[in-house]
N, C-alpha and C. Protein backbone atom coordinates (compact mmCIF):
# COMPACT_ATOMS: atom_id res chain seq x y z
N MET A 1 -10.94 -22.18 -6.67
CA MET A 1 -10.06 -21.38 -7.50
C MET A 1 -8.69 -22.02 -7.52
N SER A 2 -8.00 -21.92 -8.67
CA SER A 2 -6.70 -22.54 -8.81
C SER A 2 -5.62 -21.70 -8.14
N GLU A 3 -4.51 -22.36 -7.84
CA GLU A 3 -3.39 -21.70 -7.20
C GLU A 3 -2.70 -20.76 -8.19
N ALA A 4 -2.26 -19.61 -7.72
CA ALA A 4 -1.59 -18.63 -8.58
C ALA A 4 -0.17 -19.06 -8.88
N ILE A 5 0.27 -18.73 -10.08
CA ILE A 5 1.65 -18.95 -10.50
C ILE A 5 2.23 -17.59 -10.84
N GLN A 6 3.33 -17.25 -10.21
CA GLN A 6 3.94 -15.95 -10.46
C GLN A 6 5.18 -16.13 -11.32
N THR A 7 5.28 -15.35 -12.39
CA THR A 7 6.43 -15.42 -13.28
C THR A 7 6.61 -14.06 -13.95
N THR A 8 7.75 -13.86 -14.56
CA THR A 8 8.03 -12.64 -15.30
C THR A 8 8.14 -12.99 -16.77
N VAL A 9 7.48 -12.21 -17.62
CA VAL A 9 7.50 -12.45 -19.06
C VAL A 9 7.82 -11.16 -19.79
N VAL A 10 8.19 -11.29 -21.06
CA VAL A 10 8.44 -10.14 -21.93
C VAL A 10 7.31 -10.09 -22.95
N CYS A 11 6.67 -8.93 -23.08
CA CYS A 11 5.61 -8.74 -24.06
C CYS A 11 6.24 -8.24 -25.36
N GLN A 12 5.88 -8.89 -26.46
CA GLN A 12 6.39 -8.51 -27.78
C GLN A 12 5.25 -7.89 -28.58
N ASP A 13 5.39 -6.62 -28.92
CA ASP A 13 4.39 -5.91 -29.71
C ASP A 13 4.36 -6.49 -31.12
N LEU A 14 3.17 -6.74 -31.63
CA LEU A 14 3.05 -7.27 -32.99
C LEU A 14 3.47 -6.25 -34.04
N GLY A 15 3.43 -4.97 -33.68
CA GLY A 15 3.86 -3.93 -34.60
C GLY A 15 2.85 -3.61 -35.68
N ASP A 16 1.60 -4.08 -35.50
CA ASP A 16 0.58 -3.84 -36.52
C ASP A 16 -0.45 -2.80 -36.09
N GLY A 17 -0.21 -2.16 -34.95
CA GLY A 17 -1.12 -1.14 -34.46
C GLY A 17 -2.35 -1.67 -33.74
N SER A 18 -2.46 -3.00 -33.59
CA SER A 18 -3.65 -3.60 -32.97
C SER A 18 -3.64 -3.49 -31.45
N GLY A 19 -2.46 -3.32 -30.87
CA GLY A 19 -2.35 -3.31 -29.41
C GLY A 19 -2.18 -4.71 -28.85
N ASP A 20 -2.25 -5.73 -29.70
CA ASP A 20 -2.05 -7.11 -29.27
C ASP A 20 -0.57 -7.35 -29.00
N VAL A 21 -0.28 -8.28 -28.08
CA VAL A 21 1.10 -8.64 -27.78
C VAL A 21 1.25 -10.16 -27.79
N ILE A 22 2.47 -10.59 -27.96
CA ILE A 22 2.82 -12.01 -27.85
C ILE A 22 3.69 -12.15 -26.61
N ILE A 23 3.40 -13.17 -25.80
CA ILE A 23 4.25 -13.47 -24.65
C ILE A 23 4.62 -14.95 -24.70
N ASP A 24 5.84 -15.25 -24.34
CA ASP A 24 6.29 -16.63 -24.25
C ASP A 24 6.11 -17.09 -22.80
N LEU A 25 5.33 -18.14 -22.62
CA LEU A 25 5.10 -18.69 -21.29
C LEU A 25 5.83 -20.02 -21.16
N HIS A 26 6.39 -20.26 -20.00
CA HIS A 26 7.09 -21.51 -19.71
C HIS A 26 6.10 -22.67 -19.81
N PRO A 27 6.53 -23.83 -20.32
CA PRO A 27 5.63 -24.98 -20.43
C PRO A 27 4.90 -25.34 -19.14
N ASP A 28 5.52 -25.13 -17.98
CA ASP A 28 4.85 -25.42 -16.70
C ASP A 28 3.65 -24.50 -16.49
N VAL A 29 3.77 -23.25 -16.94
CA VAL A 29 2.67 -22.30 -16.82
C VAL A 29 1.54 -22.70 -17.76
N LEU A 30 1.89 -23.07 -18.99
CA LEU A 30 0.88 -23.52 -19.95
C LEU A 30 0.10 -24.72 -19.41
N LYS A 31 0.83 -25.65 -18.83
CA LYS A 31 0.19 -26.85 -18.28
C LYS A 31 -0.73 -26.50 -17.12
N ALA A 32 -0.29 -25.62 -16.24
CA ALA A 32 -1.09 -25.23 -15.08
C ALA A 32 -2.38 -24.51 -15.49
N LEU A 33 -2.30 -23.72 -16.58
CA LEU A 33 -3.48 -23.00 -17.07
C LEU A 33 -4.32 -23.83 -18.02
N ASN A 34 -3.80 -25.01 -18.39
CA ASN A 34 -4.47 -25.90 -19.35
C ASN A 34 -4.70 -25.17 -20.68
N ILE A 35 -3.61 -24.54 -21.16
CA ILE A 35 -3.66 -23.83 -22.44
C ILE A 35 -2.50 -24.28 -23.31
N GLY A 36 -2.58 -23.92 -24.58
CA GLY A 36 -1.53 -24.28 -25.51
C GLY A 36 -1.31 -23.19 -26.54
N LEU A 37 -0.45 -23.49 -27.49
CA LEU A 37 -0.10 -22.57 -28.55
C LEU A 37 -1.35 -22.11 -29.29
N GLY A 38 -1.50 -20.79 -29.43
CA GLY A 38 -2.63 -20.24 -30.17
C GLY A 38 -3.84 -19.91 -29.33
N ASP A 39 -3.88 -20.35 -28.06
CA ASP A 39 -5.01 -20.01 -27.20
C ASP A 39 -4.98 -18.53 -26.86
N SER A 40 -6.15 -17.96 -26.63
CA SER A 40 -6.26 -16.55 -26.26
C SER A 40 -6.40 -16.41 -24.75
N LEU A 41 -5.80 -15.34 -24.24
CA LEU A 41 -5.85 -15.05 -22.81
C LEU A 41 -6.42 -13.66 -22.57
N ARG A 42 -7.13 -13.51 -21.47
CA ARG A 42 -7.63 -12.21 -21.02
C ARG A 42 -6.61 -11.70 -20.01
N ILE A 43 -6.30 -10.42 -20.07
CA ILE A 43 -5.37 -9.80 -19.13
C ILE A 43 -6.15 -8.88 -18.21
N GLU A 44 -5.97 -9.08 -16.90
CA GLU A 44 -6.63 -8.24 -15.90
C GLU A 44 -5.57 -7.67 -14.96
N LEU A 45 -5.84 -6.51 -14.41
CA LEU A 45 -4.98 -5.90 -13.41
C LEU A 45 -5.58 -6.16 -12.04
N ALA A 46 -4.80 -6.78 -11.15
CA ALA A 46 -5.28 -7.10 -9.81
C ALA A 46 -4.16 -6.84 -8.80
N ASP A 47 -4.40 -5.91 -7.90
CA ASP A 47 -3.43 -5.58 -6.84
C ASP A 47 -2.03 -5.28 -7.40
N GLY A 48 -1.97 -4.55 -8.52
CA GLY A 48 -0.70 -4.16 -9.09
C GLY A 48 -0.02 -5.21 -9.95
N SER A 49 -0.67 -6.35 -10.15
CA SER A 49 -0.11 -7.41 -10.99
C SER A 49 -1.03 -7.68 -12.17
N LEU A 50 -0.44 -8.11 -13.27
CA LEU A 50 -1.24 -8.54 -14.41
C LEU A 50 -1.60 -10.01 -14.21
N VAL A 51 -2.86 -10.31 -14.43
CA VAL A 51 -3.36 -11.67 -14.27
C VAL A 51 -3.83 -12.17 -15.62
N LEU A 52 -3.32 -13.32 -16.03
CA LEU A 52 -3.72 -13.93 -17.30
C LEU A 52 -4.74 -15.02 -17.02
N LYS A 53 -5.83 -14.99 -17.79
CA LYS A 53 -6.87 -16.01 -17.66
C LYS A 53 -7.24 -16.48 -19.06
N PRO A 54 -7.36 -17.79 -19.24
CA PRO A 54 -7.74 -18.29 -20.56
C PRO A 54 -9.15 -17.84 -20.95
N ILE A 55 -9.34 -17.58 -22.23
CA ILE A 55 -10.65 -17.26 -22.76
C ILE A 55 -11.23 -18.57 -23.29
N ARG A 56 -12.26 -19.05 -22.65
CA ARG A 56 -12.89 -20.31 -23.04
C ARG A 56 -14.13 -19.98 -23.85
N GLU A 57 -14.10 -20.33 -25.12
CA GLU A 57 -15.25 -20.09 -25.98
C GLU A 57 -16.27 -21.20 -25.77
N VAL A 58 -17.52 -20.81 -25.67
CA VAL A 58 -18.60 -21.76 -25.50
C VAL A 58 -19.30 -21.92 -26.84
N HIS A 59 -19.35 -23.14 -27.34
CA HIS A 59 -20.00 -23.42 -28.60
C HIS A 59 -21.36 -24.03 -28.32
N ALA A 60 -22.40 -23.35 -28.75
CA ALA A 60 -23.76 -23.84 -28.52
C ALA A 60 -24.09 -24.91 -29.56
N LYS A 61 -24.77 -25.95 -29.10
CA LYS A 61 -25.21 -27.00 -30.03
C LYS A 61 -26.52 -26.57 -30.66
N SER A 62 -26.68 -26.88 -31.94
CA SER A 62 -27.91 -26.52 -32.65
C SER A 62 -29.01 -27.50 -32.32
């Protein structure tokens, strides 16, 4: 398992009623998670903290 990175972010509501939010992550956090602009993250609650995990889509070969 990878080492945890703790940071504080601001969630920006899209305002479209979807419940989706936008968060700005520091480039060091993006690099550590191996994610980039436009990637989707799963949010989990663990021991009172929100945990972000990348959603890795698996594409099956035909």
